[in-house]
Amino acid sequence: MLVTNIEEVPGKHIVVCYGVVSGSTVRAKHVGRDIMAGLKNIFGGELEAYTELLTEAREQAMSRMQQQAEALGANAIVNVRFSTSSVTAGASEIYIYGTAVTVE
Protein backbone atom coordinates (compact mmCIF):
# COMPACT_ATOMS: atom_id res chain seq x y z
CA MET A 1 0.00 0.00 0.00
CA LEU A 2 1.45 3.33 -1.07
CA VAL A 3 0.79 6.11 1.45
CA THR A 4 1.70 9.74 0.83
CA ASN A 5 0.84 13.14 2.25
CA ILE A 6 0.75 14.75 -1.21
CA GLU A 7 -2.20 14.72 -3.61
CA GLU A 8 -0.76 12.20 -6.04
CA VAL A 9 1.80 9.43 -6.29
CA PRO A 10 4.74 10.63 -8.40
CA GLY A 11 5.06 8.60 -11.59
CA LYS A 12 1.61 7.06 -11.14
CA HIS A 13 -1.83 7.96 -12.45
CA ILE A 14 -4.95 7.83 -10.25
CA VAL A 15 -7.53 5.71 -12.05
CA VAL A 16 -10.12 5.20 -9.29
CA CYS A 17 -10.97 7.33 -6.27
CA TYR A 18 -12.80 5.54 -3.43
CA GLY A 19 -13.10 8.48 -1.03
CA VAL A 20 -11.95 9.20 2.48
CA VAL A 21 -10.56 6.44 4.68
CA SER A 22 -9.47 6.83 8.27
CA GLY A 23 -8.06 5.10 11.30
CA SER A 24 -7.84 6.06 14.93
CA THR A 25 -6.86 4.87 18.36
CA VAL A 26 -7.26 6.30 21.84
CA ARG A 27 -4.41 5.73 24.26
CA ALA A 28 -4.24 6.41 27.99
CA LYS A 29 -1.19 7.27 30.04
CA HIS A 30 0.28 4.66 32.37
CA VAL A 31 0.85 5.63 36.01
CA GLY A 32 4.48 4.47 35.82
CA ARG A 33 5.02 6.67 32.79
CA ASP A 34 3.45 9.59 34.65
CA ILE A 35 5.96 9.26 37.49
CA MET A 36 8.90 9.26 35.08
CA ALA A 37 7.37 12.15 33.11
CA GLY A 38 7.06 14.13 36.34
CA LEU A 39 10.76 13.62 37.00
CA LYS A 40 11.63 14.65 33.45
CA ASN A 41 9.57 17.81 33.91
CA ILE A 42 11.79 18.70 36.86
CA PHE A 43 15.14 17.83 35.27
CA GLY A 44 14.28 18.27 31.58
CA GLY A 45 14.68 15.92 28.65
CA GLU A 46 12.59 13.89 26.26
CA LEU A 47 9.61 12.02 27.65
CA GLU A 48 10.67 8.78 25.95
CA ALA A 49 7.79 6.69 27.31
CA TYR A 50 5.28 9.13 25.80
CA THR A 51 7.20 9.27 22.53
CA GLU A 52 6.99 5.47 22.36
CA LEU A 53 3.28 5.52 23.26
CA LEU A 54 2.47 8.02 20.49
CA THR A 55 4.61 6.17 17.94
CA GLU A 56 2.69 2.95 18.65
CA ALA A 57 -0.60 4.84 18.44
CA ARG A 58 0.30 6.38 15.04
CA GLU A 59 1.31 2.96 13.70
CA GLN A 60 -1.97 1.39 14.86
CA ALA A 61 -4.08 4.21 13.41
CA MET A 62 -2.15 3.97 10.11
CA SER A 63 -2.71 0.20 9.97
CA ARG A 64 -6.46 0.65 10.52
CA MET A 65 -6.65 3.24 7.75
CA GLN A 66 -4.74 0.95 5.37
CA GLN A 67 -7.06 -1.97 6.18
CA GLN A 68 -10.07 0.19 5.37
CA ALA A 69 -8.51 1.22 2.03
CA GLU A 70 -7.63 -2.39 1.15
CA ALA A 71 -11.22 -3.46 1.86
CA LEU A 72 -12.34 -0.93 -0.78
CA GLY A 73 -9.85 -2.28 -3.33
CA ALA A 74 -7.40 0.63 -3.17
CA ASN A 75 -3.66 0.25 -3.63
CA ALA A 76 -2.70 3.72 -2.40
CA ILE A 77 -3.78 6.48 -0.03
CA VAL A 78 -3.04 10.09 -0.91
CA ASN A 79 -3.28 13.41 0.92
CA VAL A 80 -2.78 11.75 4.32
CA ARG A 81 -3.09 13.86 7.47
CA PHE A 82 -2.68 13.17 11.20
CA SER A 83 -4.65 14.78 14.00
CA THR A 84 -4.27 14.48 17.76
CA SER A 85 -6.81 15.43 20.38
CA SER A 86 -7.33 15.04 24.09
CA VAL A 87 -10.32 12.81 24.77
CA THR A 88 -10.26 12.96 28.55
CA ALA A 89 -7.73 13.65 31.27
CA GLY A 90 -4.84 11.30 30.58
CA ALA A 91 -6.09 9.95 27.22
CA SER A 92 -5.42 11.14 23.68
CA GLU A 93 -6.75 10.16 20.28
CA ILE A 94 -4.57 9.81 17.21
CA TYR A 95 -6.66 10.15 14.05
CA ILE A 96 -5.34 9.69 10.52
CA TYR A 97 -7.23 10.18 7.28
CA GLY A 98 -6.63 10.31 3.56
CA THR A 99 -8.13 9.50 0.18
CA ALA A 100 -8.12 5.86 -0.96
CA VAL A 101 -7.28 5.46 -4.64
CA THR A 102 -6.10 2.97 -7.21
CA VAL A 103 -2.99 4.04 -9.10
CA GLU A 104 -1.31 2.59 -12.17
PDB file of N, CA and C in Angstrom:
ATOM      1  N   MET A   1       0.854  -1.178   0.000  1.00  0.00           N
ATOM      2  CA  MET A   1       0.000   0.000   0.000  1.00  0.00           C
ATOM      3  C   MET A   1       0.897   1.237   0.000  1.00  0.00           C
ATOM      4  N   LEU A   2       0.735   2.069  -1.009  1.00  0.00           N
ATOM      5  CA  LEU A   2       1.453   3.332  -1.071  1.00  0.00           C
ATOM      6  C   LEU A   2       0.699   4.370  -0.243  1.00  0.00           C
ATOM      7  N   VAL A   3       1.410   5.082   0.607  1.00  0.00           N
ATOM      8  CA  VAL A   3       0.790   6.106   1.452  1.00  0.00           C
ATOM      9  C   VAL A   3       1.630   7.371   1.322  1.00  0.00           C
ATOM     10  N   THR A   4       0.963   8.488   0.991  1.00  0.00           N
ATOM     11  CA  THR A   4       1.696   9.744   0.831  1.00  0.00           C
ATOM     12  C   THR A   4       0.867  10.913   1.349  1.00  0.00           C
ATOM     13  N   ASN A   5       1.556  11.960   1.762  1.00  0.00           N
ATOM     14  CA  ASN A   5       0.842  13.143   2.247  1.00  0.00           C
ATOM     15  C   ASN A   5       0.656  14.189   1.147  1.00  0.00           C
ATOM     16  N   ILE A   6       1.011  13.848  -0.088  1.00  0.00           N
ATOM     17  CA  ILE A   6       0.752  14.746  -1.208  1.00  0.00           C
ATOM     18  C   ILE A   6      -0.456  14.243  -1.990  1.00  0.00           C
ATOM     19  N   GLU A   7      -0.933  15.028  -2.940  1.00  0.00           N
ATOM     20  CA  GLU A   7      -2.200  14.725  -3.607  1.00  0.00           C
ATOM     21  C   GLU A   7      -2.117  13.676  -4.701  1.00  0.00           C
ATOM     22  N   GLU A   8      -0.918  13.228  -5.011  1.00  0.00           N
ATOM     23  CA  GLU A   8      -0.757  12.202  -6.044  1.00  0.00           C
ATOM     24  C   GLU A   8       0.466  11.373  -5.726  1.00  0.00           C
ATOM     25  N   VAL A   9       0.616  10.264  -6.438  1.00  0.00           N
ATOM     26  CA  VAL A   9       1.801   9.426  -6.290  1.00  0.00           C
ATOM     27  C   VAL A   9       2.686   9.725  -7.495  1.00  0.00           C
ATOM     28  N   PRO A  10       3.861  10.287  -7.272  1.00  0.00           N
ATOM     29  CA  PRO A  10       4.736  10.633  -8.403  1.00  0.00           C
ATOM     30  C   PRO A  10       4.993   9.431  -9.312  1.00  0.00           C
ATOM     31  N   GLY A  11       4.843   9.664 -10.610  1.00  0.00           N
ATOM     32  CA  GLY A  11       5.063   8.604 -11.589  1.00  0.00           C
ATOM     33  C   GLY A  11       3.884   7.669 -11.779  1.00  0.00           C
ATOM     34  N   LYS A  12       2.817   7.896 -11.042  1.00  0.00           N
ATOM     35  CA  LYS A  12       1.611   7.056 -11.137  1.00  0.00           C
ATOM     36  C   LYS A  12       0.423   7.929 -11.526  1.00  0.00           C
ATOM     37  N   HIS A  13      -0.602   7.271 -12.046  1.00  0.00           N
ATOM     38  CA  HIS A  13      -1.825   7.960 -12.449  1.00  0.00           C
ATOM     39  C   HIS A  13      -2.987   7.400 -11.640  1.00  0.00           C
ATOM     40  N   ILE A  14      -3.774   8.267 -11.013  1.00  0.00           N
ATOM     41  CA  ILE A  14      -4.945   7.831 -10.255  1.00  0.00           C
ATOM     42  C   ILE A  14      -6.035   7.444 -11.234  1.00  0.00           C
ATOM     43  N   VAL A  15      -6.495   6.188 -11.141  1.00  0.00           N
ATOM     44  CA  VAL A  15      -7.534   5.711 -12.054  1.00  0.00           C
ATOM     45  C   VAL A  15      -8.883   5.518 -11.371  1.00  0.00           C
ATOM     46  N   VAL A  16      -8.874   5.328 -10.051  1.00  0.00           N
ATOM     47  CA  VAL A  16     -10.122   5.197  -9.290  1.00  0.00           C
ATOM     48  C   VAL A  16      -9.939   5.907  -7.958  1.00  0.00           C
ATOM     49  N   CYS A  17     -10.969   6.659  -7.570  1.00  0.00           N
ATOM     50  CA  CYS A  17     -10.974   7.331  -6.268  1.00  0.00           C
ATOM     51  C   CYS A  17     -12.117   6.744  -5.445  1.00  0.00           C
ATOM     52  N   TYR A  18     -11.797   6.182  -4.274  1.00  0.00           N
ATOM     53  CA  TYR A  18     -12.801   5.538  -3.428  1.00  0.00           C
ATOM     54  C   TYR A  18     -13.342   6.452  -2.342  1.00  0.00           C
ATOM     55  N   GLY A  19     -12.658   7.550  -2.072  1.00  0.00           N
ATOM     56  CA  GLY A  19     -13.099   8.476  -1.032  1.00  0.00           C
ATOM     57  C   GLY A  19     -12.238   8.412   0.207  1.00  0.00           C
ATOM     58  N   VAL A  20     -12.717   9.055   1.241  1.00  0.00           N
ATOM     59  CA  VAL A  20     -11.952   9.203   2.483  1.00  0.00           C
ATOM     60  C   VAL A  20     -11.925   7.893   3.263  1.00  0.00           C
ATOM     61  N   VAL A  21     -10.737   7.557   3.756  1.00  0.00           N
ATOM     62  CA  VAL A  21     -10.560   6.437   4.678  1.00  0.00           C
ATOM     63  C   VAL A  21      -9.873   6.991   5.917  1.00  0.00           C
ATOM     64  N   SER A  22     -10.055   6.318   7.043  1.00  0.00           N
ATOM     65  CA  SER A  22      -9.466   6.829   8.274  1.00  0.00           C
ATOM     66  C   SER A  22      -9.150   5.695   9.237  1.00  0.00           C
ATOM     67  N   GLY A  23      -8.371   6.028  10.222  1.00  0.00           N
ATOM     68  CA  GLY A  23      -8.061   5.099  11.299  1.00  0.00           C
ATOM     69  C   GLY A  23      -7.798   5.917  12.546  1.00  0.00           C
ATOM     70  N   SER A  24      -8.092   5.336  13.689  1.00  0.00           N
ATOM     71  CA  SER A  24      -7.842   6.057  14.927  1.00  0.00           C
ATOM     72  C   SER A  24      -7.580   5.081  16.062  1.00  0.00           C
ATOM     73  N   THR A  25      -7.036   5.615  17.124  1.00  0.00           N
ATOM     74  CA  THR A  25      -6.862   4.871  18.364  1.00  0.00           C
ATOM     75  C   THR A  25      -6.826   5.874  19.503  1.00  0.00           C
ATOM     76  N   VAL A  26      -7.298   5.466  20.647  1.00  0.00           N
ATOM     77  CA  VAL A  26      -7.255   6.302  21.839  1.00  0.00           C
ATOM     78  C   VAL A  26      -6.342   5.591  22.835  1.00  0.00           C
ATOM     79  N   ARG A  27      -5.369   6.311  23.328  1.00  0.00           N
ATOM     80  CA  ARG A  27      -4.407   5.728  24.264  1.00  0.00           C
ATOM     81  C   ARG A  27      -4.422   6.518  25.565  1.00  0.00           C
ATOM     82  N   ALA A  28      -4.301   5.797  26.674  1.00  0.00           N
ATOM     83  CA  ALA A  28      -4.238   6.415  27.992  1.00  0.00           C
ATOM     84  C   ALA A  28      -2.821   6.320  28.542  1.00  0.00           C
ATOM     85  N   LYS A  29      -2.494   7.277  29.381  1.00  0.00           N
ATOM     86  CA  LYS A  29      -1.194   7.270  30.039  1.00  0.00           C
ATOM     87  C   LYS A  29      -1.150   6.167  31.096  1.00  0.00           C
ATOM     88  N   HIS A  30       0.036   5.690  31.359  1.00  0.00           N
ATOM     89  CA  HIS A  30       0.283   4.664  32.368  1.00  0.00           C
ATOM     90  C   HIS A  30       0.848   5.359  33.601  1.00  0.00           C
ATOM     91  N   VAL A  31       0.417   4.960  34.784  1.00  0.00           N
ATOM     92  CA  VAL A  31       0.851   5.629  36.010  1.00  0.00           C
ATOM     93  C   VAL A  31       2.373   5.617  36.152  1.00  0.00           C
ATOM     94  N   GLY A  32       3.022   4.535  35.764  1.00  0.00           N
ATOM     95  CA  GLY A  32       4.485   4.472  35.815  1.00  0.00           C
ATOM     96  C   GLY A  32       5.127   5.491  34.891  1.00  0.00           C
ATOM     97  N   ARG A  33       4.521   5.675  33.734  1.00  0.00           N
ATOM     98  CA  ARG A  33       5.021   6.673  32.790  1.00  0.00           C
ATOM     99  C   ARG A  33       4.818   8.080  33.342  1.00  0.00           C
ATOM    100  N   ASP A  34       3.714   8.276  34.059  1.00  0.00           N
ATOM    101  CA  ASP A  34       3.451   9.594  34.651  1.00  0.00           C
ATOM    102  C   ASP A  34       4.512   9.966  35.680  1.00  0.00           C
ATOM    103  N   ILE A  35       4.933   8.994  36.473  1.00  0.00           N
ATOM    104  CA  ILE A  35       5.959   9.258  37.486  1.00  0.00           C
ATOM    105  C   ILE A  35       7.258   9.674  36.811  1.00  0.00           C
ATOM    106  N   MET A  36       7.662   8.929  35.796  1.00  0.00           N
ATOM    107  CA  MET A  36       8.898   9.263  35.085  1.00  0.00           C
ATOM    108  C   MET A  36       8.763  10.603  34.364  1.00  0.00           C
ATOM    109  N   ALA A  37       7.591  10.872  33.798  1.00  0.00           N
ATOM    110  CA  ALA A  37       7.368  12.150  33.113  1.00  0.00           C
ATOM    111  C   ALA A  37       7.464  13.303  34.108  1.00  0.00           C
ATOM    112  N   GLY A  38       6.962  13.101  35.312  1.00  0.00           N
ATOM    113  CA  GLY A  38       7.058  14.127  36.341  1.00  0.00           C
ATOM    114  C   GLY A  38       8.504  14.441  36.673  1.00  0.00           C
ATOM    115  N   LEU A  39       9.338  13.414  36.746  1.00  0.00           N
ATOM    116  CA  LEU A  39      10.762  13.624  37.004  1.00  0.00           C
ATOM    117  C   LEU A  39      11.429  14.350  35.842  1.00  0.00           C
ATOM    118  N   LYS A  40      11.059  13.979  34.618  1.00  0.00           N
ATOM    119  CA  LYS A  40      11.631  14.648  33.449  1.00  0.00           C
ATOM    120  C   LYS A  40      11.225  16.115  33.413  1.00  0.00           C
ATOM    121  N   ASN A  41      10.012  16.411  33.865  1.00  0.00           N
ATOM    122  CA  ASN A  41       9.574  17.810  33.915  1.00  0.00           C
ATOM    123  C   ASN A  41      10.448  18.636  34.854  1.00  0.00           C
ATOM    124  N   ILE A  42      10.931  18.003  35.897  1.00  0.00           N
ATOM    125  CA  ILE A  42      11.790  18.703  36.859  1.00  0.00           C
ATOM    126  C   ILE A  42      13.191  18.890  36.285  1.00  0.00           C
ATOM    127  N   PHE A  43      13.746  17.809  35.723  1.00  0.00           N
ATOM    128  CA  PHE A  43      15.139  17.827  35.274  1.00  0.00           C
ATOM    129  C   PHE A  43      15.305  18.114  33.782  1.00  0.00           C
ATOM    130  N   GLY A  44      14.222  18.030  33.024  1.00  0.00           N
ATOM    131  CA  GLY A  44      14.279  18.274  31.582  1.00  0.00           C
ATOM    132  C   GLY A  44      14.603  17.009  30.809  1.00  0.00           C
ATOM    133  N   GLY A  45      14.384  17.059  29.508  1.00  0.00           N
ATOM    134  CA  GLY A  45      14.683  15.924  28.645  1.00  0.00           C
ATOM    135  C   GLY A  45      13.445  15.392  27.961  1.00  0.00           C
ATOM    136  N   GLU A  46      13.691  14.486  27.029  1.00  0.00           N
ATOM    137  CA  GLU A  46      12.592  13.890  26.260  1.00  0.00           C
ATOM    138  C   GLU A  46      11.794  12.932  27.126  1.00  0.00           C
ATOM    139  N   LEU A  47      10.491  12.959  26.970  1.00  0.00           N
ATOM    140  CA  LEU A  47       9.609  12.019  27.653  1.00  0.00           C
ATOM    141  C   LEU A  47       9.506  10.772  26.778  1.00  0.00           C
ATOM    142  N   GLU A  48      10.529   9.923  26.860  1.00  0.00           N
ATOM    143  CA  GLU A  48      10.666   8.781  25.951  1.00  0.00           C
ATOM    144  C   GLU A  48       9.487   7.819  26.015  1.00  0.00           C
ATOM    145  N   ALA A  49       8.927   7.604  27.190  1.00  0.00           N
ATOM    146  CA  ALA A  49       7.788   6.692  27.310  1.00  0.00           C
ATOM    147  C   ALA A  49       6.594   7.223  26.526  1.00  0.00           C
ATOM    148  N   TYR A  50       6.382   8.542  26.559  1.00  0.00           N
ATOM    149  CA  TYR A  50       5.276   9.129  25.802  1.00  0.00           C
ATOM    150  C   TYR A  50       5.566   9.126  24.308  1.00  0.00           C
ATOM    151  N   THR A  51       6.810   9.338  23.946  1.00  0.00           N
ATOM    152  CA  THR A  51       7.198   9.269  22.533  1.00  0.00           C
ATOM    153  C   THR A  51       6.892   7.882  21.986  1.00  0.00           C
ATOM    154  N   GLU A  52       7.255   6.858  22.752  1.00  0.00           N
ATOM    155  CA  GLU A  52       6.988   5.468  22.355  1.00  0.00           C
ATOM    156  C   GLU A  52       5.482   5.210  22.266  1.00  0.00           C
ATOM    157  N   LEU A  53       4.737   5.699  23.237  1.00  0.00           N
ATOM    158  CA  LEU A  53       3.285   5.520  23.259  1.00  0.00           C
ATOM    159  C   LEU A  53       2.646   6.134  22.014  1.00  0.00           C
ATOM    160  N   LEU A  54       3.049   7.354  21.652  1.00  0.00           N
ATOM    161  CA  LEU A  54       2.473   8.025  20.489  1.00  0.00           C
ATOM    162  C   LEU A  54       2.923   7.376  19.175  1.00  0.00           C
ATOM    163  N   THR A  55       4.138   6.878  19.134  1.00  0.00           N
ATOM    164  CA  THR A  55       4.612   6.168  17.936  1.00  0.00           C
ATOM    165  C   THR A  55       3.773   4.916  17.705  1.00  0.00           C
ATOM    166  N   GLU A  56       3.539   4.149  18.751  1.00  0.00           N
ATOM    167  CA  GLU A  56       2.695   2.949  18.647  1.00  0.00           C
ATOM    168  C   GLU A  56       1.276   3.325  18.227  1.00  0.00           C
ATOM    169  N   ALA A  57       0.750   4.410  18.768  1.00  0.00           N
ATOM    170  CA  ALA A  57      -0.604   4.844  18.437  1.00  0.00           C
ATOM    171  C   ALA A  57      -0.696   5.248  16.968  1.00  0.00           C
ATOM    172  N   ARG A  58       0.299   5.992  16.456  1.00  0.00           N
ATOM    173  CA  ARG A  58       0.296   6.379  15.036  1.00  0.00           C
ATOM    174  C   ARG A  58       0.357   5.154  14.143  1.00  0.00           C
ATOM    175  N   GLU A  59       1.190   4.180  14.499  1.00  0.00           N
ATOM    176  CA  GLU A  59       1.305   2.960  13.695  1.00  0.00           C
ATOM    177  C   GLU A  59      -0.010   2.196  13.666  1.00  0.00           C
ATOM    178  N   GLN A  60      -0.696   2.100  14.809  1.00  0.00           N
ATOM    179  CA  GLN A  60      -1.970   1.391  14.859  1.00  0.00           C
ATOM    180  C   GLN A  60      -3.036   2.127  14.047  1.00  0.00           C
ATOM    181  N   ALA A  61      -3.111   3.436  14.172  1.00  0.00           N
ATOM    182  CA  ALA A  61      -4.082   4.215  13.409  1.00  0.00           C
ATOM    183  C   ALA A  61      -3.808   4.086  11.907  1.00  0.00           C
ATOM    184  N   MET A  62      -2.529   4.125  11.516  1.00  0.00           N
ATOM    185  CA  MET A  62      -2.150   3.965  10.105  1.00  0.00           C
ATOM    186  C   MET A  62      -2.584   2.596   9.588  1.00  0.00           C
ATOM    187  N   SER A  63      -2.335   1.561  10.371  1.00  0.00           N
ATOM    188  CA  SER A  63      -2.714   0.205   9.973  1.00  0.00           C
ATOM    189  C   SER A  63      -4.226   0.091   9.768  1.00  0.00           C
ATOM    190  N   ARG A  64      -4.990   0.690  10.643  1.00  0.00           N
ATOM    191  CA  ARG A  64      -6.458   0.645  10.518  1.00  0.00           C
ATOM    192  C   ARG A  64      -6.931   1.379   9.263  1.00  0.00           C
ATOM    193  N   MET A  65      -6.293   2.501   8.960  1.00  0.00           N
ATOM    194  CA  MET A  65      -6.645   3.240   7.753  1.00  0.00           C
ATOM    195  C   MET A  65      -6.313   2.405   6.518  1.00  0.00           C
ATOM    196  N   GLN A  66      -5.146   1.771   6.510  1.00  0.00           N
ATOM    197  CA  GLN A  66      -4.742   0.945   5.369  1.00  0.00           C
ATOM    198  C   GLN A  66      -5.684  -0.241   5.187  1.00  0.00           C
ATOM    199  N   GLN A  67      -6.111  -0.860   6.273  1.00  0.00           N
ATOM    200  CA  GLN A  67      -7.059  -1.972   6.181  1.00  0.00           C
ATOM    201  C   GLN A  67      -8.374  -1.521   5.564  1.00  0.00           C
ATOM    202  N   GLN A  68      -8.828  -0.345   5.933  1.00  0.00           N
ATOM    203  CA  GLN A  68     -10.065   0.188   5.369  1.00  0.00           C
ATOM    204  C   GLN A  68      -9.904   0.426   3.869  1.00  0.00           C
ATOM    205  N   ALA A  69      -8.763   0.968   3.461  1.00  0.00           N
ATOM    206  CA  ALA A  69      -8.509   1.217   2.035  1.00  0.00           C
ATOM    207  C   ALA A  69      -8.421  -0.091   1.257  1.00  0.00           C
ATOM    208  N   GLU A  70      -7.744  -1.080   1.812  1.00  0.00           N
ATOM    209  CA  GLU A  70      -7.627  -2.385   1.153  1.00  0.00           C
ATOM    210  C   GLU A  70      -8.994  -3.030   0.965  1.00  0.00           C
ATOM    211  N   ALA A  71      -9.869  -2.889   1.957  1.00  0.00           N
ATOM    212  CA  ALA A  71     -11.220  -3.459   1.863  1.00  0.00           C
ATOM    213  C   ALA A  71     -12.008  -2.836   0.712  1.00  0.00           C
ATOM    214  N   LEU A  72     -11.675  -1.602   0.346  1.00  0.00           N
ATOM    215  CA  LEU A  72     -12.337  -0.930  -0.777  1.00  0.00           C
ATOM    216  C   LEU A  72     -11.726  -1.311  -2.122  1.00  0.00           C
ATOM    217  N   GLY A  73     -10.537  -1.928  -2.093  1.00  0.00           N
ATOM    218  CA  GLY A  73      -9.852  -2.280  -3.325  1.00  0.00           C
ATOM    219  C   GLY A  73      -8.757  -1.310  -3.727  1.00  0.00           C
ATOM    220  N   ALA A  74      -8.434  -0.372  -2.867  1.00  0.00           N
ATOM    221  CA  ALA A  74      -7.403   0.631  -3.173  1.00  0.00           C
ATOM    222  C   ALA A  74      -6.004   0.036  -3.054  1.00  0.00           C
ATOM    223  N   ASN A  75      -5.067   0.640  -3.774  1.00  0.00           N
ATOM    224  CA  ASN A  75      -3.663   0.249  -3.633  1.00  0.00           C
ATOM    225  C   ASN A  75      -2.792   1.426  -3.188  1.00  0.00           C
ATOM    226  N   ALA A  76      -3.437   2.552  -2.882  1.00  0.00           N
ATOM    227  CA  ALA A  76      -2.703   3.725  -2.399  1.00  0.00           C
ATOM    228  C   ALA A  76      -3.647   4.628  -1.612  1.00  0.00           C
ATOM    229  N   ILE A  77      -3.031   5.461  -0.759  1.00  0.00           N
ATOM    230  CA  ILE A  77      -3.783   6.481  -0.027  1.00  0.00           C
ATOM    231  C   ILE A  77      -3.007   7.776  -0.186  1.00  0.00           C
ATOM    232  N   VAL A  78      -3.692   8.806  -0.671  1.00  0.00           N
ATOM    233  CA  VAL A  78      -3.043  10.093  -0.914  1.00  0.00           C
ATOM    234  C   VAL A  78      -3.603  11.155   0.032  1.00  0.00           C
ATOM    235  N   ASN A  79      -2.864  12.256   0.129  1.00  0.00           N
ATOM    236  CA  ASN A  79      -3.276  13.414   0.924  1.00  0.00           C
ATOM    237  C   ASN A  79      -3.521  13.045   2.389  1.00  0.00           C
ATOM    238  N   VAL A  80      -2.630  12.251   2.962  1.00  0.00           N
ATOM    239  CA  VAL A  80      -2.778  11.748   4.324  1.00  0.00           C
ATOM    240  C   VAL A  80      -2.452  12.841   5.345  1.00  0.00           C
ATOM    241  N   ARG A  81      -3.265  12.899   6.389  1.00  0.00           N
ATOM    242  CA  ARG A  81      -3.090  13.863   7.469  1.00  0.00           C
ATOM    243  C   ARG A  81      -3.282  13.171   8.814  1.00  0.00           C
ATOM    244  N   PHE A  82      -2.546  13.646   9.824  1.00  0.00           N
ATOM    245  CA  PHE A  82      -2.685  13.173  11.197  1.00  0.00           C
ATOM    246  C   PHE A  82      -3.325  14.260  12.046  1.00  0.00           C
ATOM    247  N   SER A  83      -4.067  13.850  13.049  1.00  0.00           N
ATOM    248  CA  SER A  83      -4.646  14.776  14.004  1.00  0.00           C
ATOM    249  C   SER A  83      -4.559  14.138  15.390  1.00  0.00           C
ATOM    250  N   THR A  84      -4.332  14.956  16.382  1.00  0.00           N
ATOM    251  CA  THR A  84      -4.272  14.479  17.763  1.00  0.00           C
ATOM    252  C   THR A  84      -5.216  15.331  18.601  1.00  0.00           C
ATOM    253  N   SER A  85      -5.937  14.679  19.486  1.00  0.00           N
ATOM    254  CA  SER A  85      -6.814  15.433  20.375  1.00  0.00           C
ATOM    255  C   SER A  85      -6.871  14.760  21.738  1.00  0.00           C
ATOM    256  N   SER A  86      -7.166  15.558  22.734  1.00  0.00           N
ATOM    257  CA  SER A  86      -7.329  15.041  24.088  1.00  0.00           C
ATOM    258  C   SER A  86      -8.773  14.594  24.240  1.00  0.00           C
ATOM    259  N   VAL A  87      -8.969  13.345  24.627  1.00  0.00           N
ATOM    260  CA  VAL A  87     -10.317  12.808  24.774  1.00  0.00           C
ATOM    261  C   VAL A  87     -10.820  13.023  26.194  1.00  0.00           C
ATOM    262  N   THR A  88      -9.957  12.770  27.136  1.00  0.00           N
ATOM    263  CA  THR A  88     -10.256  12.955  28.545  1.00  0.00           C
ATOM    264  C   THR A  88      -8.931  13.156  29.267  1.00  0.00           C
ATOM    265  N   ALA A  89      -8.973  13.469  30.532  1.00  0.00           N
ATOM    266  CA  ALA A  89      -7.727  13.650  31.275  1.00  0.00           C
ATOM    267  C   ALA A  89      -6.908  12.361  31.203  1.00  0.00           C
ATOM    268  N   GLY A  90      -5.725  12.456  30.644  1.00  0.00           N
ATOM    269  CA  GLY A  90      -4.841  11.300  30.579  1.00  0.00           C
ATOM    270  C   GLY A  90      -5.002  10.424  29.360  1.00  0.00           C
ATOM    271  N   ALA A  91      -5.893  10.777  28.418  1.00  0.00           N
ATOM    272  CA  ALA A  91      -6.085   9.955  27.217  1.00  0.00           C
ATOM    273  C   ALA A  91      -6.130  10.852  25.983  1.00  0.00           C
ATOM    274  N   SER A  92      -5.472  10.389  24.933  1.00  0.00           N
ATOM    275  CA  SER A  92      -5.424  11.139  23.675  1.00  0.00           C
ATOM    276  C   SER A  92      -5.818  10.244  22.512  1.00  0.00           C
ATOM    277  N   GLU A  93      -6.401  10.870  21.503  1.00  0.00           N
ATOM    278  CA  GLU A  93      -6.752  10.162  20.281  1.00  0.00           C
ATOM    279  C   GLU A  93      -5.781  10.560  19.181  1.00  0.00           C
ATOM    280  N   ILE A  94      -5.319   9.575  18.433  1.00  0.00           N
ATOM    281  CA  ILE A  94      -4.568   9.807  17.209  1.00  0.00           C
ATOM    282  C   ILE A  94      -5.522   9.441  16.079  1.00  0.00           C
ATOM    283  N   TYR A  95      -5.745  10.355  15.177  1.00  0.00           N
ATOM    284  CA  TYR A  95      -6.659  10.152  14.054  1.00  0.00           C
ATOM    285  C   TYR A  95      -5.889  10.433  12.774  1.00  0.00           C
ATOM    286  N   ILE A  96      -6.010   9.526  11.806  1.00  0.00           N
ATOM    287  CA  ILE A  96      -5.343   9.690  10.516  1.00  0.00           C
ATOM    288  C   ILE A  96      -6.378   9.496   9.417  1.00  0.00           C
ATOM    289  N   TYR A  97      -6.275  10.308   8.376  1.00  0.00           N
ATOM    290  CA  TYR A  97      -7.232  10.179   7.281  1.00  0.00           C
ATOM    291  C   TYR A  97      -6.557  10.539   5.964  1.00  0.00           C
ATOM    292  N   GLY A  98      -7.132  10.040   4.896  1.00  0.00           N
ATOM    293  CA  GLY A  98      -6.629  10.312   3.561  1.00  0.00           C
ATOM    294  C   GLY A  98      -7.637   9.841   2.524  1.00  0.00           C
ATOM    295  N   THR A  99      -7.256   9.907   1.266  1.00  0.00           N
ATOM    296  CA  THR A  99      -8.134   9.500   0.179  1.00  0.00           C
ATOM    297  C   THR A  99      -7.622   8.193  -0.412  1.00  0.00           C
ATOM    298  N   ALA A 100      -8.476   7.170  -0.395  1.00  0.00           N
ATOM    299  CA  ALA A 100      -8.124   5.863  -0.963  1.00  0.00           C
ATOM    300  C   ALA A 100      -8.287   5.916  -2.473  1.00  0.00           C
ATOM    301  N   VAL A 101      -7.262   5.439  -3.174  1.00  0.00           N
ATOM    302  CA  VAL A 101      -7.277   5.465  -4.643  1.00  0.00           C
ATOM    303  C   VAL A 101      -6.634   4.197  -5.196  1.00  0.00           C
ATOM    304  N   THR A 102      -6.860   3.970  -6.476  1.00  0.00           N
ATOM    305  CA  THR A 102      -6.096   2.969  -7.211  1.00  0.00           C
ATOM    306  C   THR A 102      -5.226   3.736  -8.197  1.00  0.00           C
ATOM    307  N   VAL A 103      -3.934   3.405  -8.184  1.00  0.00           N
ATOM    308  CA  VAL A 103      -2.993   4.042  -9.099  1.00  0.00           C
ATOM    309  C   VAL A 103      -2.395   2.991 -10.016  1.00  0.00           C
ATOM    310  N   GLU A 104      -2.006   3.453 -11.209  1.00  0.00           N
ATOM    311  CA  GLU A 104      -1.312   2.585 -12.173  1.00  0.00           C
ATOM    312  C   GLU A 104      -0.046   3.279 -12.602  1.00  0.00           C
TER     313      GLU A 104
END
